[in-house]
Amino acid sequence: MSAIDITADQFNETIQENEIVLVDFWASWCGPCRQFAPTFEASAQKHPDVVHAKVDTEAEQALAAAADIRSIPTLMAFKKGYLVFNQAGALPPPALEELVQKVRELDIDAAIAAQQNAEQSGE
């Protein structure tokens, strides 16, 4: 599966309706964004079960602002609707592959339960 372009109208639905979603915030004028694009596309091809979404920050300025994008490229990873990774900068292919594997392995339900327990106990 190829990376898909998403808009503000599609963002929440994409995040909520897919188990794992990687989102690349980019712009056409950004050199590092253009360099990262083939890496992101290769990951999309290798992992068809992971949604690879791209947000053009020029076309989707309100979404970029809502996501607090301060530098591009910025990569976010969501699992079951929860943000689990947020980092500015282009990742090299091995680091992106490692990220995909870590997100797959993450037991998000246990992480949420642990966070809720910590909040309830006042930690």
PDB file of N, CA and C in Angstrom:
ATOM      1  N   MET A   1       0.850  -1.182   0.000  1.00  0.00           N
ATOM      2  CA  MET A   1       0.000   0.000   0.000  1.00  0.00           C
ATOM      3  C   MET A   1       0.893   1.243   0.000  1.00  0.00           C
ATOM      4  N   SER A   2       0.513   2.243  -0.731  1.00  0.00           N
ATOM      5  CA  SER A   2       1.266   3.481  -0.796  1.00  0.00           C
ATOM      6  C   SER A   2       0.864   4.412   0.340  1.00  0.00           C
ATOM      7  N   ALA A   3       1.738   5.374   0.596  1.00  0.00           N
ATOM      8  CA  ALA A   3       1.397   6.431   1.546  1.00  0.00           C
ATOM      9  C   ALA A   3       0.215   7.213   0.971  1.00  0.00           C
ATOM     10  N   ILE A   4      -0.639   7.706   1.846  1.00  0.00           N
ATOM     11  CA  ILE A   4      -1.819   8.455   1.415  1.00  0.00           C
ATOM     12  C   ILE A   4      -1.740   9.889   1.913  1.00  0.00           C
ATOM     13  N   ASP A   5      -2.258  10.812   1.126  1.00  0.00           N
ATOM     14  CA  ASP A   5      -2.373  12.199   1.547  1.00  0.00           C
ATOM     15  C   ASP A   5      -3.682  12.342   2.298  1.00  0.00           C
ATOM     16  N   ILE A   6      -3.616  12.996   3.465  1.00  0.00           N
ATOM     17  CA  ILE A   6      -4.852  13.222   4.217  1.00  0.00           C
ATOM     18  C   ILE A   6      -4.996  14.708   4.525  1.00  0.00           C
ATOM     19  N   THR A   7      -6.246  15.103   4.715  1.00  0.00           N
ATOM     20  CA  THR A   7      -6.592  16.484   5.039  1.00  0.00           C
ATOM     21  C   THR A   7      -7.105  16.543   6.473  1.00  0.00           C
ATOM     22  N   ALA A   8      -7.365  17.737   6.915  1.00  0.00           N
ATOM     23  CA  ALA A   8      -7.908  17.923   8.264  1.00  0.00           C
ATOM     24  C   ALA A   8      -9.211  17.150   8.430  1.00  0.00           C
ATOM     25  N   ASP A   9     -10.029  17.121   7.372  1.00  0.00           N
ATOM     26  CA  ASP A   9     -11.311  16.413   7.435  1.00  0.00           C
ATOM     27  C   ASP A   9     -11.136  14.912   7.627  1.00  0.00           C
ATOM     28  N   GLN A  10     -10.021  14.369   7.172  1.00  0.00           N
ATOM     29  CA  GLN A  10      -9.786  12.926   7.241  1.00  0.00           C
ATOM     30  C   GLN A  10      -8.911  12.514   8.422  1.00  0.00           C
ATOM     31  N   PHE A  11      -8.259  13.466   9.062  1.00  0.00           N
ATOM     32  CA  PHE A  11      -7.233  13.157  10.052  1.00  0.00           C
ATOM     33  C   PHE A  11      -7.767  12.304  11.210  1.00  0.00           C
ATOM     34  N   ASN A  12      -8.764  12.803  11.933  1.00  0.00           N
ATOM     35  CA  ASN A  12      -9.267  12.071  13.109  1.00  0.00           C
ATOM     36  C   ASN A  12      -9.823  10.705  12.731  1.00  0.00           C
ATOM     37  N   GLU A  13     -10.553  10.634  11.639  1.00  0.00           N
ATOM     38  CA  GLU A  13     -11.122   9.361  11.195  1.00  0.00           C
ATOM     39  C   GLU A  13     -10.001   8.362  10.881  1.00  0.00           C
ATOM     40  N   THR A  14      -8.954   8.826  10.216  1.00  0.00           N
ATOM     41  CA  THR A  14      -7.825   7.953   9.874  1.00  0.00           C
ATOM     42  C   THR A  14      -7.163   7.425  11.133  1.00  0.00           C
ATOM     43  N   ILE A  15      -6.941   8.299  12.108  1.00  0.00           N
ATOM     44  CA  ILE A  15      -6.279   7.917  13.363  1.00  0.00           C
ATOM     45  C   ILE A  15      -7.144   6.923  14.153  1.00  0.00           C
ATOM     46  N   GLN A  16      -8.436   7.186  14.212  1.00  0.00           N
ATOM     47  CA  GLN A  16      -9.334   6.378  15.042  1.00  0.00           C
ATOM     48  C   GLN A  16      -9.681   5.029  14.413  1.00  0.00           C
ATOM     49  N   GLU A  17      -9.715   4.957  13.091  1.00  0.00           N
ATOM     50  CA  GLU A  17     -10.215   3.749  12.435  1.00  0.00           C
ATOM     51  C   GLU A  17      -9.126   2.759  12.025  1.00  0.00           C
ATOM     52  N   ASN A  18      -7.882   3.067  12.330  1.00  0.00           N
ATOM     53  CA  ASN A  18      -6.777   2.178  11.973  1.00  0.00           C
ATOM     54  C   ASN A  18      -5.928   1.907  13.202  1.00  0.00           C
ATOM     55  N   GLU A  19      -5.456   0.684  13.340  1.00  0.00           N
ATOM     56  CA  GLU A  19      -4.695   0.326  14.539  1.00  0.00           C
ATOM     57  C   GLU A  19      -3.394   1.116  14.657  1.00  0.00           C
ATOM     58  N   ILE A  20      -2.624   1.178  13.567  1.00  0.00           N
ATOM     59  CA  ILE A  20      -1.360   1.910  13.584  1.00  0.00           C
ATOM     60  C   ILE A  20      -1.345   2.887  12.415  1.00  0.00           C
ATOM     61  N   VAL A  21      -1.034   4.142  12.736  1.00  0.00           N
ATOM     62  CA  VAL A  21      -0.960   5.179  11.714  1.00  0.00           C
ATOM     63  C   VAL A  21       0.316   5.992  11.940  1.00  0.00           C
ATOM     64  N   LEU A  22       1.127   6.101  10.896  1.00  0.00           N
ATOM     65  CA  LEU A  22       2.271   7.005  10.905  1.00  0.00           C
ATOM     66  C   LEU A  22       1.877   8.221  10.089  1.00  0.00           C
ATOM     67  N   VAL A  23       2.149   9.410  10.619  1.00  0.00           N
ATOM     68  CA  VAL A  23       1.792  10.640   9.914  1.00  0.00           C
ATOM     69  C   VAL A  23       3.058  11.462   9.700  1.00  0.00           C
ATOM     70  N   ASP A  24       3.323  11.777   8.443  1.00  0.00           N
ATOM     71  CA  ASP A  24       4.449  12.608   8.043  1.00  0.00           C
ATOM     72  C   ASP A  24       3.918  13.997   7.710  1.00  0.00           C
ATOM     73  N   PHE A  25       4.292  14.983   8.535  1.00  0.00           N
ATOM     74  CA  PHE A  25       3.951  16.376   8.266  1.00  0.00           C
ATOM     75  C   PHE A  25       5.094  16.957   7.445  1.00  0.00           C
ATOM     76  N   TRP A  26       4.801  17.474   6.246  1.00  0.00           N
ATOM     77  CA  TRP A  26       5.827  17.885   5.307  1.00  0.00           C
ATOM     78  C   TRP A  26       5.386  19.119   4.532  1.00  0.00           C
ATOM     79  N   ALA A  27       6.293  19.645   3.709  1.00  0.00           N
ATOM     80  CA  ALA A  27       5.981  20.729   2.769  1.00  0.00           C
ATOM     81  C   ALA A  27       6.860  20.550   1.541  1.00  0.00           C
ATOM     82  N   SER A  28       6.363  20.977   0.401  1.00  0.00           N
ATOM     83  CA  SER A  28       7.075  20.766  -0.858  1.00  0.00           C
ATOM     84  C   SER A  28       8.391  21.541  -0.931  1.00  0.00           C
ATOM     85  N   TRP A  29       8.483  22.652  -0.222  1.00  0.00           N
ATOM     86  CA  TRP A  29       9.700  23.475  -0.264  1.00  0.00           C
ATOM     87  C   TRP A  29      10.787  22.976   0.682  1.00  0.00           C
ATOM     88  N   CYS A  30      10.490  21.968   1.485  1.00  0.00           N
ATOM     89  CA  CYS A  30      11.387  21.492   2.544  1.00  0.00           C
ATOM     90  C   CYS A  30      12.312  20.396   2.010  1.00  0.00           C
ATOM     91  N   GLY A  31      13.604  20.686   1.929  1.00  0.00           N
ATOM     92  CA  GLY A  31      14.583  19.715   1.446  1.00  0.00           C
ATOM     93  C   GLY A  31      14.588  18.414   2.234  1.00  0.00           C
ATOM     94  N   PRO A  32      14.693  18.469   3.579  1.00  0.00           N
ATOM     95  CA  PRO A  32      14.664  17.230   4.354  1.00  0.00           C
ATOM     96  C   PRO A  32      13.367  16.442   4.163  1.00  0.00           C
ATOM     97  N   CYS A  33      12.262  17.143   3.929  1.00  0.00           N
ATOM     98  CA  CYS A  33      10.992  16.453   3.674  1.00  0.00           C
ATOM     99  C   CYS A  33      11.074  15.666   2.377  1.00  0.00           C
ATOM    100  N   ARG A  34      11.628  16.286   1.345  1.00  0.00           N
ATOM    101  CA  ARG A  34      11.767  15.604   0.054  1.00  0.00           C
ATOM    102  C   ARG A  34      12.725  14.423   0.172  1.00  0.00           C
ATOM    103  N   GLN A  35      13.761  14.553   0.999  1.00  0.00           N
ATOM    104  CA  GLN A  35      14.702  13.451   1.185  1.00  0.00           C
ATOM    105  C   GLN A  35      14.061  12.289   1.945  1.00  0.00           C
ATOM    106  N   PHE A  36      13.164  12.605   2.889  1.00  0.00           N
ATOM    107  CA  PHE A  36      12.515  11.579   3.703  1.00  0.00           C
ATOM    108  C   PHE A  36      11.395  10.856   2.938  1.00  0.00           C
ATOM    109  N   ALA A  37      10.815  11.501   1.950  1.00  0.00           N
ATOM    110  CA  ALA A  37       9.647  10.948   1.241  1.00  0.00           C
ATOM    111  C   ALA A  37       9.881   9.537   0.698  1.00  0.00           C
ATOM    112  N   PRO A  38      11.008   9.241   0.035  1.00  0.00           N
ATOM    113  CA  PRO A  38      11.200   7.871  -0.456  1.00  0.00           C
ATOM    114  C   PRO A  38      11.317   6.838   0.672  1.00  0.00           C
ATOM    115  N   THR A  39      11.892   7.229   1.797  1.00  0.00           N
ATOM    116  CA  THR A  39      12.006   6.338   2.956  1.00  0.00           C
ATOM    117  C   THR A  39      10.615   6.010   3.496  1.00  0.00           C
ATOM    118  N   PHE A  40       9.766   7.050   3.598  1.00  0.00           N
ATOM    119  CA  PHE A  40       8.403   6.884   4.105  1.00  0.00           C
ATOM    120  C   PHE A  40       7.602   6.002   3.146  1.00  0.00           C
ATOM    121  N   GLU A  41       7.751   6.242   1.852  1.00  0.00           N
ATOM    122  CA  GLU A  41       7.030   5.455   0.845  1.00  0.00           C
ATOM    123  C   GLU A  41       7.495   3.996   0.864  1.00  0.00           C
ATOM    124  N   ALA A  42       8.790   3.764   1.016  1.00  0.00           N
ATOM    125  CA  ALA A  42       9.311   2.394   1.086  1.00  0.00           C
ATOM    126  C   ALA A  42       8.743   1.666   2.302  1.00  0.00           C
ATOM    127  N   SER A  43       8.614   2.372   3.422  1.00  0.00           N
ATOM    128  CA  SER A  43       8.027   1.779   4.624  1.00  0.00           C
ATOM    129  C   SER A  43       6.560   1.441   4.380  1.00  0.00           C
ATOM    130  N   ALA A  44       5.851   2.319   3.676  1.00  0.00           N
ATOM    131  CA  ALA A  44       4.441   2.054   3.354  1.00  0.00           C
ATOM    132  C   ALA A  44       4.311   0.783   2.515  1.00  0.00           C
ATOM    133  N   GLN A  45       5.224   0.609   1.576  1.00  0.00           N
ATOM    134  CA  GLN A  45       5.195  -0.581   0.729  1.00  0.00           C
ATOM    135  C   GLN A  45       5.520  -1.843   1.534  1.00  0.00           C
ATOM    136  N   LYS A  46       6.462  -1.729   2.459  1.00  0.00           N
ATOM    137  CA  LYS A  46       6.911  -2.879   3.252  1.00  0.00           C
ATOM    138  C   LYS A  46       5.891  -3.275   4.310  1.00  0.00           C
ATOM    139  N   HIS A  47       5.129  -2.309   4.814  1.00  0.00           N
ATOM    140  CA  HIS A  47       4.178  -2.548   5.913  1.00  0.00           C
ATOM    141  C   HIS A  47       2.770  -2.133   5.483  1.00  0.00           C
ATOM    142  N   PRO A  48       2.114  -2.922   4.639  1.00  0.00           N
ATOM    143  CA  PRO A  48       0.785  -2.530   4.148  1.00  0.00           C
ATOM    144  C   PRO A  48      -0.285  -2.495   5.236  1.00  0.00           C
ATOM    145  N   ASP A  49      -0.011  -3.108   6.390  1.00  0.00           N
ATOM    146  CA  ASP A  49      -0.975  -3.092   7.491  1.00  0.00           C
ATOM    147  C   ASP A  49      -0.874  -1.819   8.327  1.00  0.00           C
ATOM    148  N   VAL A  50       0.142  -1.014   8.080  1.00  0.00           N
ATOM    149  CA  VAL A  50       0.337   0.245   8.800  1.00  0.00           C
ATOM    150  C   VAL A  50      -0.026   1.384   7.848  1.00  0.00           C
ATOM    151  N   VAL A  51      -0.945   2.252   8.274  1.00  0.00           N
ATOM    152  CA  VAL A  51      -1.317   3.385   7.432  1.00  0.00           C
ATOM    153  C   VAL A  51      -0.201   4.424   7.495  1.00  0.00           C
ATOM    154  N   HIS A  52       0.306   4.789   6.341  1.00  0.00           N
ATOM    155  CA  HIS A  52       1.318   5.842   6.218  1.00  0.00           C
ATOM    156  C   HIS A  52       0.614   7.041   5.597  1.00  0.00           C
ATOM    157  N   ALA A  53       0.364   8.060   6.400  1.00  0.00           N
ATOM    158  CA  ALA A  53      -0.380   9.234   5.955  1.00  0.00           C
ATOM    159  C   ALA A  53       0.547  10.439   5.876  1.00  0.00           C
ATOM    160  N   LYS A  54       0.309  11.278   4.886  1.00  0.00           N
ATOM    161  CA  LYS A  54       1.107  12.479   4.699  1.00  0.00           C
ATOM    162  C   LYS A  54       0.201  13.698   4.805  1.00  0.00           C
ATOM    163  N   VAL A  55       0.672  14.703   5.536  1.00  0.00           N
ATOM    164  CA  VAL A  55      -0.066  15.956   5.673  1.00  0.00           C
ATOM    165  C   VAL A  55       0.807  17.077   5.117  1.00  0.00           C
ATOM    166  N   ASP A  56       0.321  17.717   4.049  1.00  0.00           N
ATOM    167  CA  ASP A  56       1.002  18.867   3.458  1.00  0.00           C
ATOM    168  C   ASP A  56       0.719  20.076   4.355  1.00  0.00           C
ATOM    169  N   THR A  57       1.737  20.531   5.080  1.00  0.00           N
ATOM    170  CA  THR A  57       1.534  21.611   6.061  1.00  0.00           C
ATOM    171  C   THR A  57       1.183  22.940   5.397  1.00  0.00           C
ATOM    172  N   GLU A  58       1.510  23.101   4.119  1.00  0.00           N
ATOM    173  CA  GLU A  58       1.137  24.333   3.413  1.00  0.00           C
ATOM    174  C   GLU A  58      -0.362  24.322   3.106  1.00  0.00           C
ATOM    175  N   ALA A  59      -0.872  23.195   2.649  1.00  0.00           N
ATOM    176  CA  ALA A  59      -2.286  23.078   2.305  1.00  0.00           C
ATOM    177  C   ALA A  59      -3.161  22.924   3.547  1.00  0.00           C
ATOM    178  N   GLU A  60      -2.592  22.368   4.609  1.00  0.00           N
ATOM    179  CA  GLU A  60      -3.349  22.066   5.830  1.00  0.00           C
ATOM    180  C   GLU A  60      -2.758  22.831   7.024  1.00  0.00           C
ATOM    181  N   GLN A  61      -2.704  24.155   6.901  1.00  0.00           N
ATOM    182  CA  GLN A  61      -2.078  24.972   7.935  1.00  0.00           C
ATOM    183  C   GLN A  61      -2.803  24.886   9.278  1.00  0.00           C
ATOM    184  N   ALA A  62      -4.120  24.824   9.262  1.00  0.00           N
ATOM    185  CA  ALA A  62      -4.870  24.727  10.518  1.00  0.00           C
ATOM    186  C   ALA A  62      -4.583  23.396  11.213  1.00  0.00           C
ATOM    187  N   LEU A  63      -4.499  22.320  10.449  1.00  0.00           N
ATOM    188  CA  LEU A  63      -4.192  21.013  11.029  1.00  0.00           C
ATOM    189  C   LEU A  63      -2.773  21.010  11.591  1.00  0.00           C
ATOM    190  N   ALA A  64      -1.822  21.577  10.853  1.00  0.00           N
ATOM    191  CA  ALA A  64      -0.447  21.656  11.338  1.00  0.00           C
ATOM    192  C   ALA A  64      -0.376  22.459  12.633  1.00  0.00           C
ATOM    193  N   ALA A  65      -1.132  23.545  12.713  1.00  0.00           N
ATOM    194  CA  ALA A  65      -1.161  24.352  13.936  1.00  0.00           C
ATOM    195  C   ALA A  65      -1.796  23.567  15.079  1.00  0.00           C
ATOM    196  N   ALA A  66      -2.883  22.866  14.792  1.00  0.00           N
ATOM    197  CA  ALA A  66      -3.562  22.079  15.828  1.00  0.00           C
ATOM    198  C   ALA A  66      -2.660  20.962  16.343  1.00  0.00           C
ATOM    199  N   ALA A  67      -1.811  20.425  15.466  1.00  0.00           N
ATOM    200  CA  ALA A  67      -0.891  19.356  15.854  1.00  0.00           C
ATOM    201  C   ALA A  67       0.397  19.917  16.468  1.00  0.00           C
ATOM    202  N   ASP A  68       0.467  21.243  16.578  1.00  0.00           N
ATOM    203  CA  ASP A  68       1.616  21.929  17.175  1.00  0.00           C
ATOM    204  C   ASP A  68       2.918  21.610  16.427  1.00  0.00           C
ATOM    205  N   ILE A  69       2.823  21.616  15.095  1.00  0.00           N
ATOM    206  CA  ILE A  69       3.997  21.365  14.266  1.00  0.00           C
ATOM    207  C   ILE A  69       4.846  22.627  14.244  1.00  0.00           C
ATOM    208  N   ARG A  70       6.080  22.513  14.723  1.00  0.00           N
ATOM    209  CA  ARG A  70       6.987  23.655  14.776  1.00  0.00           C
ATOM    210  C   ARG A  70       8.156  23.508  13.814  1.00  0.00           C
ATOM    211  N   SER A  71       8.375  22.293  13.343  1.00  0.00           N
ATOM    212  CA  SER A  71       9.481  22.003  12.446  1.00  0.00           C
ATOM    213  C   SER A  71       9.049  20.849  11.549  1.00  0.00           C
ATOM    214  N   ILE A  72       9.521  20.890  10.302  1.00  0.00           N
ATOM    215  CA  ILE A  72       9.191  19.791   9.399  1.00  0.00           C
ATOM    216  C   ILE A  72      10.471  19.247   8.794  1.00  0.00           C
ATOM    217  N   PRO A  73      10.482  17.994   8.467  1.00  0.00           N
ATOM    218  CA  PRO A  73       9.383  17.047   8.655  1.00  0.00           C
ATOM    219  C   PRO A  73       9.187  16.707  10.129  1.00  0.00           C
ATOM    220  N   THR A  74       7.968  16.407  10.493  1.00  0.00           N
ATOM    221  CA  THR A  74       7.649  15.863  11.807  1.00  0.00           C
ATOM    222  C   THR A  74       6.906  14.558  11.572  1.00  0.00           C
ATOM    223  N   LEU A  75       7.316  13.537  12.312  1.00  0.00           N
ATOM    224  CA  LEU A  75       6.686  12.231  12.202  1.00  0.00           C
ATOM    225  C   LEU A  75       5.960  11.924  13.499  1.00  0.00           C
ATOM    226  N   MET A  76       4.704  11.525  13.362  1.00  0.00           N
ATOM    227  CA  MET A  76       3.913  11.086  14.509  1.00  0.00           C
ATOM    228  C   MET A  76       3.468   9.655  14.270  1.00  0.00           C
ATOM    229  N   ALA A  77       3.379   8.893  15.361  1.00  0.00           N
ATOM    230  CA  ALA A  77       2.851   7.532  15.283  1.00  0.00           C
ATOM    231  C   ALA A  77       1.694   7.412  16.258  1.00  0.00           C
ATOM    232  N   PHE A  78       0.628   6.810  15.797  1.00  0.00           N
ATOM    233  CA  PHE A  78      -0.562   6.584  16.615  1.00  0.00           C
ATOM    234  C   PHE A  78      -0.846   5.092  16.662  1.00  0.00           C
ATOM    235  N   LYS A  79      -1.246   4.619  17.842  1.00  0.00           N
ATOM    236  CA  LYS A  79      -1.709   3.235  17.975  1.00  0.00           C
ATOM    237  C   LYS A  79      -3.050   3.265  18.673  1.00  0.00           C
ATOM    238  N   LYS A  80      -4.026   2.673  18.022  1.00  0.00           N
ATOM    239  CA  LYS A  80      -5.402   2.645  18.530  1.00  0.00           C
ATOM    240  C   LYS A  80      -5.873   4.048  18.920  1.00  0.00           C
ATOM    241  N   GLY A  81      -5.497   5.038  18.124  1.00  0.00           N
ATOM    242  CA  GLY A  81      -5.946   6.411  18.344  1.00  0.00           C
ATOM    243  C   GLY A  81      -5.111   7.217  19.308  1.00  0.00           C
ATOM    244  N   TYR A  82      -4.095   6.610  19.918  1.00  0.00           N
ATOM    245  CA  TYR A  82      -3.256   7.301  20.894  1.00  0.00           C
ATOM    246  C   TYR A  82      -1.912   7.677  20.271  1.00  0.00           C
ATOM    247  N   LEU A  83      -1.489   8.910  20.498  1.00  0.00           N
ATOM    248  CA  LEU A  83      -0.185   9.360  20.037  1.00  0.00           C
ATOM    249  C   LEU A  83       0.887   8.672  20.871  1.00  0.00           C
ATOM    250  N   VAL A  84       1.771   7.931  20.202  1.00  0.00           N
ATOM    251  CA  VAL A  84       2.812   7.190  20.920  1.00  0.00           C
ATOM    252  C   VAL A  84       4.221   7.626  20.514  1.00  0.00           C
ATOM    253  N   PHE A  85       4.319   8.481  19.480  1.00  0.00           N
ATOM    254  CA  PHE A  85       5.622   8.969  19.023  1.00  0.00           C
ATOM    255  C   PHE A  85       5.406  10.293  18.324  1.00  0.00           C
ATOM    256  N   ASN A  86       6.294  11.258  18.589  1.00  0.00           N
ATOM    257  CA  ASN A  86       6.203  12.574  17.969  1.00  0.00           C
ATOM    258  C   ASN A  86       7.607  13.152  17.933  1.00  0.00           C
ATOM    259  N   GLN A  87       8.175  13.260  16.718  1.00  0.00           N
ATOM    260  CA  GLN A  87       9.549  13.744  16.618  1.00  0.00           C
ATOM    261  C   GLN A  87       9.748  14.508  15.317  1.00  0.00           C
ATOM    262  N   ALA A  88      10.398  15.654  15.422  1.00  0.00           N
ATOM    263  CA  ALA A  88      10.767  16.408  14.230  1.00  0.00           C
ATOM    264  C   ALA A  88      12.054  15.832  13.667  1.00  0.00           C
ATOM    265  N   GLY A  89      12.194  15.936  12.352  1.00  0.00           N
ATOM    266  CA  GLY A  89      13.403  15.470  11.691  1.00  0.00           C
ATOM    267  C   GLY A  89      13.148  14.210  10.899  1.00  0.00           C
ATOM    268  N   ALA A  90      13.903  14.069   9.826  1.00  0.00           N
ATOM    269  CA  ALA A  90      13.777  12.893   8.967  1.00  0.00           C
ATOM    270  C   ALA A  90      14.504  11.715   9.597  1.00  0.00           C
ATOM    271  N   LEU A  91      13.844  10.581   9.642  1.00  0.00           N
ATOM    272  CA  LEU A  91      14.473   9.375  10.166  1.00  0.00           C
ATOM    273  C   LEU A  91      15.145   8.612   9.026  1.00  0.00           C
ATOM    274  N   PRO A  92      16.333   8.048   9.281  1.00  0.00           N
ATOM    275  CA  PRO A  92      16.924   7.157   8.276  1.00  0.00           C
ATOM    276  C   PRO A  92      16.131   5.852   8.227  1.00  0.00           C
ATOM    277  N   PRO A  93      16.226   5.117   7.122  1.00  0.00           N
ATOM    278  CA  PRO A  93      15.428   3.886   6.980  1.00  0.00           C
ATOM    279  C   PRO A  93      15.509   2.920   8.169  1.00  0.00           C
ATOM    280  N   PRO A  94      16.709   2.630   8.730  1.00  0.00           N
ATOM    281  CA  PRO A  94      16.736   1.687   9.863  1.00  0.00           C
ATOM    282  C   PRO A  94      15.967   2.204  11.088  1.00  0.00           C
ATOM    283  N   ALA A  95      16.022   3.504  11.324  1.00  0.00           N
ATOM    284  CA  ALA A  95      15.307   4.074  12.474  1.00  0.00           C
ATOM    285  C   ALA A  95      13.797   4.026  12.258  1.00  0.00           C
ATOM    286  N   LEU A  96      13.345   4.268  11.033  1.00  0.00           N
ATOM    287  CA  LEU A  96      11.914   4.181  10.742  1.00  0.00           C
ATOM    288  C   LEU A  96      11.436   2.744  10.893  1.00  0.00           C
ATOM    289  N   GLU A  97      12.231   1.797  10.427  1.00  0.00           N
ATOM    290  CA  GLU A  97      11.882   0.379  10.571  1.00  0.00           C
ATOM    291  C   GLU A  97      11.785   0.005  12.054  1.00  0.00           C
ATOM    292  N   GLU A  98      12.732   0.487  12.854  1.00  0.00           N
ATOM    293  CA  GLU A  98      12.716   0.211  14.297  1.00  0.00           C
ATOM    294  C   GLU A  98      11.475   0.817  14.948  1.00  0.00           C
ATOM    295  N   LEU A  99      11.108   2.025  14.525  1.00  0.00           N
ATOM    296  CA  LEU A  99       9.908   2.669  15.059  1.00  0.00           C
ATOM    297  C   LEU A  99       8.670   1.829  14.758  1.00  0.00           C
ATOM    298  N   VAL A 100       8.531   1.375  13.524  1.00  0.00           N
ATOM    299  CA  VAL A 100       7.369   0.553  13.152  1.00  0.00           C
ATOM    300  C   VAL A 100       7.304  -0.685  14.038  1.00  0.00           C
ATOM    301  N   GLN A 101       8.430  -1.337  14.247  1.00  0.00           N
ATOM    302  CA  GLN A 101       8.448  -2.546  15.074  1.00  0.00           C
ATOM    303  C   GLN A 101       8.086  -2.235  16.525  1.00  0.00           C
ATOM    304  N   LYS A 102       8.608  -1.146  17.065  1.00  0.00           N
ATOM    305  CA  LYS A 102       8.307  -0.786  18.458  1.00  0.00           C
ATOM    306  C   LYS A 102       6.830  -0.438  18.634  1.00  0.00           C
ATOM    307  N   VAL A 103       6.265   0.258  17.669  1.00  0.00           N
ATOM    308  CA  VAL A 103       4.834   0.590  17.756  1.00  0.00           C
ATOM    309  C   VAL A 103       4.004  -0.692  17.672  1.00  0.00           C
ATOM    310  N   ARG A 104       4.389  -1.612  16.791  1.00  0.00           N
ATOM    311  CA  ARG A 104       3.685  -2.905  16.708  1.00  0.00           C
ATOM    312  C   ARG A 104       3.705  -3.627  18.055  1.00  0.00           C
ATOM    313  N   GLU A 105       4.889  -3.644  18.694  1.00  0.00           N
ATOM    314  CA  GLU A 105       5.082  -4.395  19.941  1.00  0.00           C
ATOM    315  C   GLU A 105       4.460  -3.708  21.155  1.00  0.00           C
ATOM    316  N   LEU A 106       4.214  -2.423  21.067  1.00  0.00           N
ATOM    317  CA  LEU A 106       3.688  -1.672  22.205  1.00  0.00           C
ATOM    318  C   LEU A 106       2.311  -2.188  22.617  1.00  0.00           C
ATOM    319  N   ASP A 107       2.184  -2.543  23.873  1.00  0.00           N
ATOM    320  CA  ASP A 107       0.885  -2.948  24.421  1.00  0.00           C
ATOM    321  C   ASP A 107       0.194  -1.680  24.908  1.00  0.00           C
ATOM    322  N   ILE A 108      -0.513  -1.038  24.010  1.00  0.00           N
ATOM    323  CA  ILE A 108      -1.116   0.262  24.312  1.00  0.00           C
ATOM    324  C   ILE A 108      -2.159   0.148  25.418  1.00  0.00           C
ATOM    325  N   ASP A 109      -2.875  -0.958  25.475  1.00  0.00           N
ATOM    326  CA  ASP A 109      -3.892  -1.117  26.518  1.00  0.00           C
ATOM    327  C   ASP A 109      -3.241  -1.157  27.897  1.00  0.00           C
ATOM    328  N   ALA A 110      -2.131  -1.855  28.035  1.00  0.00           N
ATOM    329  CA  ALA A 110      -1.415  -1.904  29.311  1.00  0.00           C
ATOM    330  C   ALA A 110      -0.826  -0.540  29.655  1.00  0.00           C
ATOM    331  N   ALA A 111      -0.323   0.172  28.648  1.00  0.00           N
ATOM    332  CA  ALA A 111       0.249   1.498  28.889  1.00  0.00           C
ATOM    333  C   ALA A 111      -0.823   2.479  29.369  1.00  0.00           C
ATOM    334  N   ILE A 112      -2.007   2.400  28.771  1.00  0.00           N
ATOM    335  CA  ILE A 112      -3.110   3.273  29.179  1.00  0.00           C
ATOM    336  C   ILE A 112      -3.544   2.933  30.600  1.00  0.00           C
ATOM    337  N   ALA A 113      -3.669   1.665  30.909  1.00  0.00           N
ATOM    338  CA  ALA A 113      -4.064   1.244  32.256  1.00  0.00           C
ATOM    339  C   ALA A 113      -3.033   1.714  33.287  1.00  0.00           C
ATOM    340  N   ALA A 114      -1.753   1.580  32.983  1.00  0.00           N
ATOM    341  CA  ALA A 114      -0.708   2.010  33.910  1.00  0.00           C
ATOM    342  C   ALA A 114      -0.773   3.519  34.122  1.00  0.00           C
ATOM    343  N   GLN A 115      -1.019   4.266  33.063  1.00  0.00           N
ATOM    344  CA  GLN A 115      -1.108   5.724  33.192  1.00  0.00           C
ATOM    345  C   GLN A 115      -2.326   6.102  34.034  1.00  0.00           C
ATOM    346  N   GLN A 116      -3.454   5.438  33.805  1.00  0.00           N
ATOM    347  CA  GLN A 116      -4.656   5.733  34.582  1.00  0.00           C
ATOM    348  C   GLN A 116      -4.448   5.395  36.065  1.00  0.00           C
ATOM    349  N   ASN A 117      -3.778   4.280  36.328  1.00  0.00           N
ATOM    350  CA  ASN A 117      -3.495   3.906  37.709  1.00  0.00           C
ATOM    351  C   ASN A 117      -2.582   4.930  38.371  1.00  0.00           C
ATOM    352  N   ALA A 118      -1.588   5.407  37.649  1.00  0.00           N
ATOM    353  CA  ALA A 118      -0.660   6.413  38.191  1.00  0.00           C
ATOM    354  C   ALA A 118      -1.402   7.707  38.491  1.00  0.00           C
ATOM    355  N   GLU A 119      -2.298   8.113  37.589  1.00  0.00           N
ATOM    356  CA  GLU A 119      -3.072   9.335  37.791  1.00  0.00           C
ATOM    357  C   GLU A 119      -4.004   9.209  38.990  1.00  0.00           C
ATOM    358  N   GLN A 120      -4.600   8.032  39.158  1.00  0.00           N
ATOM    359  CA  GLN A 120      -5.517   7.826  40.277  1.00  0.00           C
ATOM    360  C   GLN A 120      -4.810   7.799  41.613  1.00  0.00           C
ATOM    361  N   SER A 121      -3.556   7.317  41.609  1.00  0.00           N
ATOM    362  CA  SER A 121      -2.825   7.259  42.865  1.00  0.00           C
ATOM    363  C   SER A 121      -2.067   8.556  43.148  1.00  0.00           C
ATOM    364  N   GLY A 122      -2.197   9.536  42.224  1.00  0.00           N
ATOM    365  CA  GLY A 122      -1.613  10.847  42.458  1.00  0.00           C
ATOM    366  C   GLY A 122      -0.137  10.935  42.141  1.00  0.00           C
ATOM    367  N   GLU A 123       0.374  10.030  41.368  1.00  0.00           N
ATOM    368  CA  GLU A 123       1.800  10.068  41.007  1.00  0.00           C
ATOM    369  C   GLU A 123       2.062  11.043  39.902  1.00  0.00           C
TER     370      GLU A 123
END
